[in-house]
Amino acid sequence: MMTLLKRLFYEEDGQSMVEYGLILALVAVAVVVVLGTMGGSIKKLFQDTTTELEKRPTP
């Protein structure tokens, strides 16, 4: 039983998955912050583009 616990404690395979999870969470937080800050201007950009495309006649 003790050797199993020692092996689980020193095994590094699971640590890399945790690190990838933390990096992914950090990227997700950064995306949320950027979209929250720039959300209004991005929405306006898409609205302006849609308005301009609707003005053009279809061929």
Protein backbone atom coordinates (compact mmCIF):
# COMPACT_ATOMS: atom_id res chain seq x y z
CA MET A 1 0.00 0.00 0.00
CA MET A 2 2.78 2.41 0.89
CA THR A 3 4.65 1.75 -2.37
CA LEU A 4 1.48 2.52 -4.32
CA LEU A 5 1.10 5.87 -2.55
CA LYS A 6 4.76 6.71 -3.13
CA ARG A 7 4.43 5.86 -6.81
CA LEU A 8 1.31 8.02 -7.19
CA PHE A 9 2.99 10.89 -5.38
CA TYR A 10 6.10 10.87 -7.57
CA GLU A 11 4.42 10.06 -10.88
CA GLU A 12 4.52 13.10 -13.16
CA ASP A 13 2.07 12.11 -15.90
CA GLY A 14 -0.93 13.67 -14.18
CA GLN A 15 0.94 16.88 -13.43
CA SER A 16 1.27 17.80 -17.09
CA MET A 17 -2.49 17.43 -17.56
CA VAL A 18 -3.08 19.75 -14.62
CA GLU A 19 -0.66 22.27 -16.10
CA TYR A 20 -2.45 22.14 -19.46
CA GLY A 21 -5.74 22.64 -17.66
CA LEU A 22 -4.41 25.68 -15.83
CA ILE A 23 -3.06 27.17 -19.05
CA LEU A 24 -6.41 26.57 -20.77
CA ALA A 25 -8.24 28.24 -17.88
CA LEU A 26 -5.89 31.23 -18.05
CA VAL A 27 -6.46 31.59 -21.80
CA ALA A 28 -10.24 31.36 -21.28
CA VAL A 29 -10.11 34.11 -18.64
CA ALA A 30 -8.03 36.29 -20.97
CA VAL A 31 -10.54 35.78 -23.81
CA VAL A 32 -13.45 36.70 -21.54
CA VAL A 33 -11.66 39.84 -20.36
CA VAL A 34 -10.77 40.93 -23.91
CA LEU A 35 -14.28 40.29 -25.23
CA GLY A 36 -15.77 42.09 -22.25
CA THR A 37 -13.61 45.13 -22.88
CA MET A 38 -13.86 45.21 -26.65
CA GLY A 39 -17.29 43.64 -27.02
CA GLY A 40 -19.06 46.88 -27.89
CA SER A 41 -16.61 47.88 -30.60
CA ILE A 42 -16.59 44.38 -32.11
CA LYS A 43 -20.40 44.37 -32.19
CA LYS A 44 -20.41 47.78 -33.89
CA LEU A 45 -17.90 46.58 -36.47
CA PHE A 46 -20.11 43.62 -37.41
CA GLN A 47 -23.23 45.80 -37.48
CA ASP A 48 -21.56 48.35 -39.76
CA THR A 49 -20.35 45.57 -42.06
CA THR A 50 -23.84 44.03 -42.21
CA THR A 51 -25.39 47.42 -42.95
CA GLU A 52 -22.94 48.06 -45.80
CA LEU A 53 -23.50 44.60 -47.28
CA GLU A 54 -27.28 45.07 -47.18
CA LYS A 55 -26.95 48.33 -49.13
CA ARG A 56 -25.27 46.64 -52.08
CA PRO A 57 -27.51 45.28 -54.83
CA THR A 58 -27.45 41.55 -55.43
CA PRO A 59 -26.17 40.50 -58.87
